[in-house]
Amino acid sequence: MKYAWNKKRKTVFRVLSWILRHPFSNHKTIAILDVGCNDGRFTDYYYKTALREMKKPFVVGLDIALKTPSVVVSQNIHFLKADARNLSLKDESFDLIISTEVIEHFIEGEQFIRECYRVLKPGGILLLTTPNRSRFTALPRSLISKIKGKRYVPGPTDEHLREYTSNELINILKNVGFNVILLDYIAFNPYLPLPDQFYFFLDKLADKSGLFGKMTKWDMIVVAEKKLNH
C-alpha cells in the first residue's frame, strides 16, 4: 500500500514539473490552488517545486475540513477553509489547480469541475487524481449500481461517494470546456492480498500494457487545460 501511495506522489510531482517546464515555460510567476490540502504538507511541496523550476509561486491551500497547517503561513502560502464545490474565489484567478483524491468524496463532480474552470485563467491547467473505476475489482459495484438504477457508483469505502471511469471523467471535463492533454493510470491495485514480489511484477507488467493497466491500476491522473478562447 505504501509503495502505491509513494508511486502516486512521485507521479504527481513528475507531472507538476512537466507542467511548469512546458505549458508554463514562459510564466515567471504562477498562482497555484491546492484543493483538498488537508494540513498543507503538499501545498508546501508544490510551492517548493515551483521555486525549483525558477518560478515565483503564490500558493493557496483549500480544504472543507482544514487542519492546522503543518507549514508556516507566509506571504506566498495561504490557507482557506472552503468547499471544493463552491470555491468562493474570484473568476480567472489561478494558473494551476491541483486536486489529488478529492472528487470521489462527493457526488457533485460536475459542479466541482465547473468551479475549477471558473477560477482558472485562460490557458490554466487542472491536475487531478482519483481512483480508477475501470479496475476489475470495481466491476461488481458498477454492475450492482446499474441493476439498482443508481446514477452514481460509490467506492469500496463510505468516504468515496462517487468513483469515475476515465471516459466519464473525460466527458465531464470536455462538457465543461476543458481540453484533456494527459490521462494515465497509476499503480497496480494495492488492496489485493498479494506477496510483495508478485505485486511488483504485476505493477511493472501493468506499466507496459495499456488495457491491462487500465483494468488493474488503482488510480488515475488527468491534466486538462482551460482553452485560451473560452
C-alpha atoms as a PDB file:
ATOM      1  CA  MET A   1       0.000   0.000   0.000  1.00  0.00           C
ATOM      2  CA  LYS A   2       2.832   2.387   0.901  1.00  0.00           C
ATOM      3  CA  TYR A   3       4.514   1.630  -2.433  1.00  0.00           C
ATOM      4  CA  ALA A   4       1.345   2.572  -4.380  1.00  0.00           C
ATOM      5  CA  TRP A   5       0.878   5.847  -2.481  1.00  0.00           C
ATOM      6  CA  ASN A   6       4.530   6.754  -2.998  1.00  0.00           C
ATOM      7  CA  LYS A   7       4.241   5.962  -6.693  1.00  0.00           C
ATOM      8  CA  LYS A   8       1.196   8.240  -6.936  1.00  0.00           C
ATOM      9  CA  ARG A   9       3.026  11.102  -5.175  1.00  0.00           C
ATOM     10  CA  LYS A  10       6.068  10.730  -7.432  1.00  0.00           C
ATOM     11  CA  THR A  11       3.785  10.742 -10.485  1.00  0.00           C
ATOM     12  CA  VAL A  12       2.060  13.937  -9.312  1.00  0.00           C
ATOM     13  CA  PHE A  13       5.374  15.742  -8.800  1.00  0.00           C
ATOM     14  CA  ARG A  14       6.774  14.464 -12.096  1.00  0.00           C
ATOM     15  CA  VAL A  15       3.704  15.734 -13.957  1.00  0.00           C
ATOM     16  CA  LEU A  16       3.775  19.002 -11.996  1.00  0.00           C
ATOM     17  CA  SER A  17       7.392  19.580 -13.035  1.00  0.00           C
ATOM     18  CA  TRP A  18       6.445  18.867 -16.662  1.00  0.00           C
ATOM     19  CA  ILE A  19       3.594  21.420 -16.464  1.00  0.00           C
ATOM     20  CA  LEU A  20       5.920  24.064 -15.027  1.00  0.00           C
ATOM     21  CA  ARG A  21       8.568  23.400 -17.699  1.00  0.00           C
ATOM     22  CA  HIS A  22       6.309  23.155 -20.741  1.00  0.00           C
ATOM     23  CA  PRO A  23       2.795  24.698 -20.696  1.00  0.00           C
ATOM     24  CA  PHE A  24       4.065  27.288 -18.191  1.00  0.00           C
ATOM     25  CA  SER A  25       7.596  27.651 -19.529  1.00  0.00           C
ATOM     26  CA  ASN A  26       7.144  31.389 -20.115  1.00  0.00           C
ATOM     27  CA  HIS A  27       5.488  32.089 -16.747  1.00  0.00           C
ATOM     28  CA  LYS A  28       7.748  33.931 -14.302  1.00  0.00           C
ATOM     29  CA  THR A  29       5.042  33.968 -11.630  1.00  0.00           C
ATOM     30  CA  ILE A  30       2.416  31.294 -11.044  1.00  0.00           C
ATOM     31  CA  ALA A  31      -0.703  31.160  -8.843  1.00  0.00           C
ATOM     32  CA  ILE A  32      -1.422  27.622  -7.602  1.00  0.00           C
ATOM     33  CA  LEU A  33      -4.569  26.385  -5.826  1.00  0.00           C
ATOM     34  CA  ASP A  34      -4.307  23.122  -3.867  1.00  0.00           C
ATOM     35  CA  VAL A  35      -7.873  21.815  -3.447  1.00  0.00           C
ATOM     36  CA  GLY A  36      -8.164  19.311  -0.610  1.00  0.00           C
ATOM     37  CA  CYS A  37      -4.909  20.359   1.029  1.00  0.00           C
ATOM     38  CA  ASN A  38      -5.504  18.663   4.409  1.00  0.00           C
ATOM     39  CA  ASP A  39      -2.727  20.008   6.675  1.00  0.00           C
ATOM     40  CA  GLY A  40      -0.861  21.775   3.871  1.00  0.00           C
ATOM     41  CA  ARG A  41       2.142  19.478   3.713  1.00  0.00           C
ATOM     42  CA  PHE A  42       1.849  19.005  -0.039  1.00  0.00           C
ATOM     43  CA  THR A  43       0.839  22.628  -0.542  1.00  0.00           C
ATOM     44  CA  ASP A  44       4.331  23.462   0.690  1.00  0.00           C
ATOM     45  CA  TYR A  45       5.875  20.825  -1.606  1.00  0.00           C
ATOM     46  CA  TYR A  46       4.072  22.348  -4.601  1.00  0.00           C
ATOM     47  CA  TYR A  47       5.447  25.754  -3.615  1.00  0.00           C
ATOM     48  CA  LYS A  48       8.991  24.424  -3.362  1.00  0.00           C
ATOM     49  CA  THR A  49       8.664  22.531  -6.652  1.00  0.00           C
ATOM     50  CA  ALA A  50       7.673  25.762  -8.404  1.00  0.00           C
ATOM     51  CA  LEU A  51      10.650  27.528  -6.819  1.00  0.00           C
ATOM     52  CA  ARG A  52      12.995  24.814  -8.107  1.00  0.00           C
ATOM     53  CA  GLU A  53      11.588  25.345 -11.581  1.00  0.00           C
ATOM     54  CA  MET A  54      12.587  29.026 -11.357  1.00  0.00           C
ATOM     55  CA  LYS A  55       9.064  30.325 -10.830  1.00  0.00           C
ATOM     56  CA  LYS A  56       7.779  32.857  -8.330  1.00  0.00           C
ATOM     57  CA  PRO A  57       4.799  30.993  -6.827  1.00  0.00           C
ATOM     58  CA  PHE A  58       1.770  32.164  -4.898  1.00  0.00           C
ATOM     59  CA  VAL A  59       0.001  29.152  -3.409  1.00  0.00           C
ATOM     60  CA  VAL A  60      -3.362  28.732  -1.673  1.00  0.00           C
ATOM     61  CA  GLY A  61      -4.312  25.523   0.132  1.00  0.00           C
ATOM     62  CA  LEU A  62      -8.055  24.912   0.471  1.00  0.00           C
ATOM     63  CA  ASP A  63      -9.975  22.265   2.386  1.00  0.00           C
ATOM     64  CA  ILE A  64     -13.519  21.946   3.745  1.00  0.00           C
ATOM     65  CA  ALA A  65     -12.054  20.333   6.884  1.00  0.00           C
ATOM     66  CA  LEU A  66      -8.860  22.347   7.033  1.00  0.00           C
ATOM     67  CA  LYS A  67      -6.435  21.125   9.672  1.00  0.00           C
ATOM     68  CA  THR A  68      -3.840  23.245  11.424  1.00  0.00           C
ATOM     69  CA  PRO A  69      -1.232  23.842   8.717  1.00  0.00           C
ATOM     70  CA  SER A  70       1.945  21.829   9.176  1.00  0.00           C
ATOM     71  CA  VAL A  71       3.898  24.566   7.389  1.00  0.00           C
ATOM     72  CA  VAL A  72       4.481  28.203   8.176  1.00  0.00           C
ATOM     73  CA  VAL A  73       1.944  30.522   6.580  1.00  0.00           C
ATOM     74  CA  SER A  74       3.844  33.191   4.681  1.00  0.00           C
ATOM     75  CA  GLN A  75       3.333  35.982   2.213  1.00  0.00           C
ATOM     76  CA  ASN A  76       3.262  33.418  -0.594  1.00  0.00           C
ATOM     77  CA  ILE A  77       1.446  30.488   1.077  1.00  0.00           C
ATOM     78  CA  HIS A  78      -2.097  30.905   2.382  1.00  0.00           C
ATOM     79  CA  PHE A  79      -4.816  28.555   3.610  1.00  0.00           C
ATOM     80  CA  LEU A  80      -8.573  28.765   3.238  1.00  0.00           C
ATOM     81  CA  LYS A  81     -11.414  26.713   4.683  1.00  0.00           C
ATOM     82  CA  ALA A  82     -13.939  26.277   1.885  1.00  0.00           C
ATOM     83  CA  ASP A  83     -15.976  23.728  -0.071  1.00  0.00           C
ATOM     84  CA  ALA A  84     -14.473  22.453  -3.335  1.00  0.00           C
ATOM     85  CA  ARG A  85     -17.926  22.647  -4.906  1.00  0.00           C
ATOM     86  CA  ASN A  86     -18.145  26.362  -4.089  1.00  0.00           C
ATOM     87  CA  LEU A  87     -14.625  27.736  -4.143  1.00  0.00           C
ATOM     88  CA  SER A  88     -15.504  31.291  -3.025  1.00  0.00           C
ATOM     89  CA  LEU A  89     -12.676  32.636  -5.170  1.00  0.00           C
ATOM     90  CA  LYS A  90     -12.572  35.210  -7.951  1.00  0.00           C
ATOM     91  CA  ASP A  91     -13.014  34.221 -11.577  1.00  0.00           C
ATOM     92  CA  GLU A  92      -9.804  33.567 -13.527  1.00  0.00           C
ATOM     93  CA  SER A  93      -7.507  34.000 -10.535  1.00  0.00           C
ATOM     94  CA  PHE A  94      -5.262  30.887 -10.732  1.00  0.00           C
ATOM     95  CA  ASP A  95      -2.863  29.439 -13.288  1.00  0.00           C
ATOM     96  CA  LEU A  96      -2.861  25.906 -11.873  1.00  0.00           C
ATOM     97  CA  ILE A  97      -5.248  23.856  -9.736  1.00  0.00           C
ATOM     98  CA  ILE A  98      -4.009  20.638  -8.127  1.00  0.00           C
ATOM     99  CA  SER A  99      -6.599  18.292  -6.618  1.00  0.00           C
ATOM    100  CA  THR A 100      -5.474  14.843  -5.502  1.00  0.00           C
ATOM    101  CA  GLU A 101      -8.006  12.292  -4.250  1.00  0.00           C
ATOM    102  CA  VAL A 102     -10.849  14.806  -3.765  1.00  0.00           C
ATOM    103  CA  ILE A 103     -13.528  14.481  -6.452  1.00  0.00           C
ATOM    104  CA  GLU A 104     -14.567  10.995  -5.287  1.00  0.00           C
ATOM    105  CA  HIS A 105     -15.643  12.334  -1.874  1.00  0.00           C
ATOM    106  CA  PHE A 106     -18.854  13.945  -3.164  1.00  0.00           C
ATOM    107  CA  ILE A 107     -21.333  13.230  -5.950  1.00  0.00           C
ATOM    108  CA  GLU A 108     -21.286  16.730  -7.479  1.00  0.00           C
ATOM    109  CA  GLY A 109     -18.283  16.131  -9.686  1.00  0.00           C
ATOM    110  CA  GLU A 110     -19.629  18.285 -12.493  1.00  0.00           C
ATOM    111  CA  GLN A 111     -20.087  21.240 -10.143  1.00  0.00           C
ATOM    112  CA  PHE A 112     -16.535  20.867  -8.851  1.00  0.00           C
ATOM    113  CA  ILE A 113     -15.106  20.781 -12.389  1.00  0.00           C
ATOM    114  CA  ARG A 114     -17.143  23.864 -13.331  1.00  0.00           C
ATOM    115  CA  GLU A 115     -15.752  25.710 -10.298  1.00  0.00           C
ATOM    116  CA  CYS A 116     -12.208  24.767 -11.290  1.00  0.00           C
ATOM    117  CA  TYR A 117     -12.859  26.037 -14.806  1.00  0.00           C
ATOM    118  CA  ARG A 118     -14.302  29.278 -13.447  1.00  0.00           C
ATOM    119  CA  VAL A 119     -11.332  30.198 -11.242  1.00  0.00           C
ATOM    120  CA  LEU A 120      -8.667  29.179 -13.761  1.00  0.00           C
ATOM    121  CA  LYS A 121      -7.213  31.789 -16.067  1.00  0.00           C
ATOM    122  CA  PRO A 122      -7.486  31.134 -19.809  1.00  0.00           C
ATOM    123  CA  GLY A 123      -4.736  28.635 -20.599  1.00  0.00           C
ATOM    124  CA  GLY A 124      -4.774  27.472 -16.977  1.00  0.00           C
ATOM    125  CA  ILE A 125      -4.221  23.830 -16.015  1.00  0.00           C
ATOM    126  CA  LEU A 126      -6.157  21.406 -13.806  1.00  0.00           C
ATOM    127  CA  LEU A 127      -4.200  18.433 -12.434  1.00  0.00           C
ATOM    128  CA  LEU A 128      -6.262  15.860 -10.554  1.00  0.00           C
ATOM    129  CA  THR A 129      -6.011  12.289  -9.353  1.00  0.00           C
ATOM    130  CA  THR A 130      -8.844   9.985  -8.374  1.00  0.00           C
ATOM    131  CA  PRO A 131      -9.487   6.227  -8.098  1.00  0.00           C
ATOM    132  CA  ASN A 132      -9.838   4.379 -11.389  1.00  0.00           C
ATOM    133  CA  ARG A 133     -13.297   2.775 -11.509  1.00  0.00           C
ATOM    134  CA  SER A 134     -12.312   0.781 -14.587  1.00  0.00           C
ATOM    135  CA  ARG A 135     -10.180  -1.517 -12.392  1.00  0.00           C
ATOM    136  CA  PHE A 136     -11.604  -5.035 -12.386  1.00  0.00           C
ATOM    137  CA  THR A 137     -12.250  -5.064  -8.626  1.00  0.00           C
ATOM    138  CA  ALA A 138     -14.738  -2.209  -9.105  1.00  0.00           C
ATOM    139  CA  LEU A 139     -16.784  -4.024 -11.765  1.00  0.00           C
ATOM    140  CA  PRO A 140     -19.159  -5.747  -9.267  1.00  0.00           C
ATOM    141  CA  ARG A 141     -20.046  -2.362  -7.721  1.00  0.00           C
ATOM    142  CA  SER A 142     -20.669  -0.896 -11.164  1.00  0.00           C
ATOM    143  CA  LEU A 143     -22.933  -3.814 -12.059  1.00  0.00           C
ATOM    144  CA  ILE A 144     -24.877  -3.646  -8.780  1.00  0.00           C
ATOM    145  CA  SER A 145     -25.393   0.103  -9.158  1.00  0.00           C
ATOM    146  CA  LYS A 146     -26.654  -0.403 -12.712  1.00  0.00           C
ATOM    147  CA  ILE A 147     -29.087  -3.135 -11.649  1.00  0.00           C
ATOM    148  CA  LYS A 148     -30.403  -0.913  -8.855  1.00  0.00           C
ATOM    149  CA  GLY A 149     -30.769   2.007 -11.265  1.00  0.00           C
ATOM    150  CA  LYS A 150     -28.347   4.206  -9.347  1.00  0.00           C
ATOM    151  CA  ARG A 151     -26.869   7.156 -11.189  1.00  0.00           C
ATOM    152  CA  TYR A 152     -23.524   7.092  -9.372  1.00  0.00           C
ATOM    153  CA  VAL A 153     -21.190   4.250  -8.446  1.00  0.00           C
ATOM    154  CA  PRO A 154     -19.656   4.537  -4.969  1.00  0.00           C
ATOM    155  CA  GLY A 155     -16.217   3.341  -3.950  1.00  0.00           C
ATOM    156  CA  PRO A 156     -15.271   0.499  -1.587  1.00  0.00           C
ATOM    157  CA  THR A 157     -15.335   2.805   1.458  1.00  0.00           C
ATOM    158  CA  ASP A 158     -18.069   5.082   2.811  1.00  0.00           C
ATOM    159  CA  GLU A 159     -15.848   8.095   2.111  1.00  0.00           C
ATOM    160  CA  HIS A 160     -15.938   7.529  -1.657  1.00  0.00           C
ATOM    161  CA  LEU A 161     -19.426   8.579  -2.700  1.00  0.00           C
ATOM    162  CA  ARG A 162     -18.771   8.524  -6.447  1.00  0.00           C
ATOM    163  CA  GLU A 163     -15.976   6.993  -8.481  1.00  0.00           C
ATOM    164  CA  TYR A 164     -15.320   7.547 -12.184  1.00  0.00           C
ATOM    165  CA  THR A 165     -14.138   5.660 -15.218  1.00  0.00           C
ATOM    166  CA  SER A 166     -11.660   7.539 -17.378  1.00  0.00           C
ATOM    167  CA  ASN A 167     -14.322   8.012 -20.085  1.00  0.00           C
ATOM    168  CA  GLU A 168     -16.784   9.505 -17.592  1.00  0.00           C
ATOM    169  CA  LEU A 169     -14.206  11.925 -16.251  1.00  0.00           C
ATOM    170  CA  ILE A 170     -13.028  12.959 -19.717  1.00  0.00           C
ATOM    171  CA  ASN A 171     -16.609  13.597 -20.829  1.00  0.00           C
ATOM    172  CA  ILE A 172     -17.282  15.806 -17.789  1.00  0.00           C
ATOM    173  CA  LEU A 173     -14.105  17.812 -18.424  1.00  0.00           C
ATOM    174  CA  LYS A 174     -14.885  18.265 -22.115  1.00  0.00           C
ATOM    175  CA  ASN A 175     -18.509  19.209 -21.465  1.00  0.00           C
ATOM    176  CA  VAL A 176     -17.344  21.957 -19.101  1.00  0.00           C
ATOM    177  CA  GLY A 177     -14.906  23.249 -21.739  1.00  0.00           C
ATOM    178  CA  PHE A 178     -11.546  21.708 -20.850  1.00  0.00           C
ATOM    179  CA  ASN A 179      -9.099  20.234 -23.310  1.00  0.00           C
ATOM    180  CA  VAL A 180      -7.708  16.985 -21.855  1.00  0.00           C
ATOM    181  CA  ILE A 181      -3.963  16.796 -22.546  1.00  0.00           C
ATOM    182  CA  LEU A 182      -2.987  13.810 -20.362  1.00  0.00           C
ATOM    183  CA  LEU A 183      -4.637  10.780 -18.807  1.00  0.00           C
ATOM    184  CA  ASP A 184      -2.650   7.963 -17.243  1.00  0.00           C
ATOM    185  CA  TYR A 185      -3.105   5.204 -14.682  1.00  0.00           C
ATOM    186  CA  ILE A 186      -1.040   4.813 -11.509  1.00  0.00           C
ATOM    187  CA  ALA A 187      -0.007   1.691  -9.556  1.00  0.00           C
ATOM    188  CA  PHE A 188      -1.402  -1.824  -9.634  1.00  0.00           C
ATOM    189  CA  ASN A 189      -4.291  -2.234  -7.174  1.00  0.00           C
ATOM    190  CA  PRO A 190      -2.618  -2.253  -3.711  1.00  0.00           C
ATOM    191  CA  TYR A 191      -5.658  -3.664  -1.898  1.00  0.00           C
ATOM    192  CA  LEU A 192      -5.227  -7.164  -3.302  1.00  0.00           C
ATOM    193  CA  PRO A 193      -3.606  -9.594  -0.811  1.00  0.00           C
ATOM    194  CA  LEU A 194      -0.535 -10.414  -2.886  1.00  0.00           C
ATOM    195  CA  PRO A 195       3.080 -11.176  -1.942  1.00  0.00           C
ATOM    196  CA  ASP A 196       5.263  -8.120  -2.482  1.00  0.00           C
ATOM    197  CA  GLN A 197       7.392  -9.596  -5.262  1.00  0.00           C
ATOM    198  CA  PHE A 198       4.354 -10.778  -7.219  1.00  0.00           C
ATOM    199  CA  TYR A 199       2.714  -7.360  -6.739  1.00  0.00           C
ATOM    200  CA  PHE A 200       5.824  -5.555  -8.062  1.00  0.00           C
ATOM    201  CA  PHE A 201       5.897  -7.908 -11.068  1.00  0.00           C
ATOM    202  CA  LEU A 202       2.235  -7.181 -11.874  1.00  0.00           C
ATOM    203  CA  ASP A 203       2.768  -3.453 -11.398  1.00  0.00           C
ATOM    204  CA  LYS A 204       5.627  -3.449 -13.922  1.00  0.00           C
ATOM    205  CA  LEU A 205       3.510  -5.522 -16.301  1.00  0.00           C
ATOM    206  CA  ALA A 206       0.631  -3.043 -15.943  1.00  0.00           C
ATOM    207  CA  ASP A 207       3.020  -0.173 -16.738  1.00  0.00           C
ATOM    208  CA  LYS A 208       3.790  -1.787 -20.102  1.00  0.00           C
ATOM    209  CA  SER A 209       0.265  -2.818 -21.107  1.00  0.00           C
ATOM    210  CA  GLY A 210      -2.451  -0.257 -21.883  1.00  0.00           C
ATOM    211  CA  LEU A 211      -5.562  -2.410 -21.453  1.00  0.00           C
ATOM    212  CA  PHE A 212      -4.123  -4.493 -18.598  1.00  0.00           C
ATOM    213  CA  GLY A 213      -3.061  -1.299 -16.856  1.00  0.00           C
ATOM    214  CA  LYS A 214      -6.480   0.290 -17.303  1.00  0.00           C
ATOM    215  CA  MET A 215      -8.184  -2.808 -15.855  1.00  0.00           C
ATOM    216  CA  THR A 216      -5.826  -3.301 -12.915  1.00  0.00           C
ATOM    217  CA  LYS A 217      -4.405   0.041 -11.845  1.00  0.00           C
ATOM    218  CA  TRP A 218      -5.799   1.670  -8.752  1.00  0.00           C
ATOM    219  CA  ASP A 219      -5.632   5.374  -9.555  1.00  0.00           C
ATOM    220  CA  MET A 220      -5.597   7.757 -12.495  1.00  0.00           C
ATOM    221  CA  ILE A 221      -4.109  11.160 -13.150  1.00  0.00           C
ATOM    222  CA  VAL A 222      -5.635  13.719 -15.513  1.00  0.00           C
ATOM    223  CA  VAL A 223      -4.283  17.015 -16.807  1.00  0.00           C
ATOM    224  CA  ALA A 224      -6.743  19.356 -18.528  1.00  0.00           C
ATOM    225  CA  GLU A 225      -6.320  22.850 -19.965  1.00  0.00           C
ATOM    226  CA  LYS A 226      -8.787  25.719 -19.997  1.00  0.00           C
ATOM    227  CA  LYS A 227      -8.861  26.902 -23.579  1.00  0.00           C
ATOM    228  CA  LEU A 228      -7.467  30.360 -24.296  1.00  0.00           C
ATOM    229  CA  ASN A 229     -10.607  31.344 -26.223  1.00  0.00           C
ATOM    230  CA  HIS A 230     -13.361  30.267 -23.833  1.00  0.00           C
END
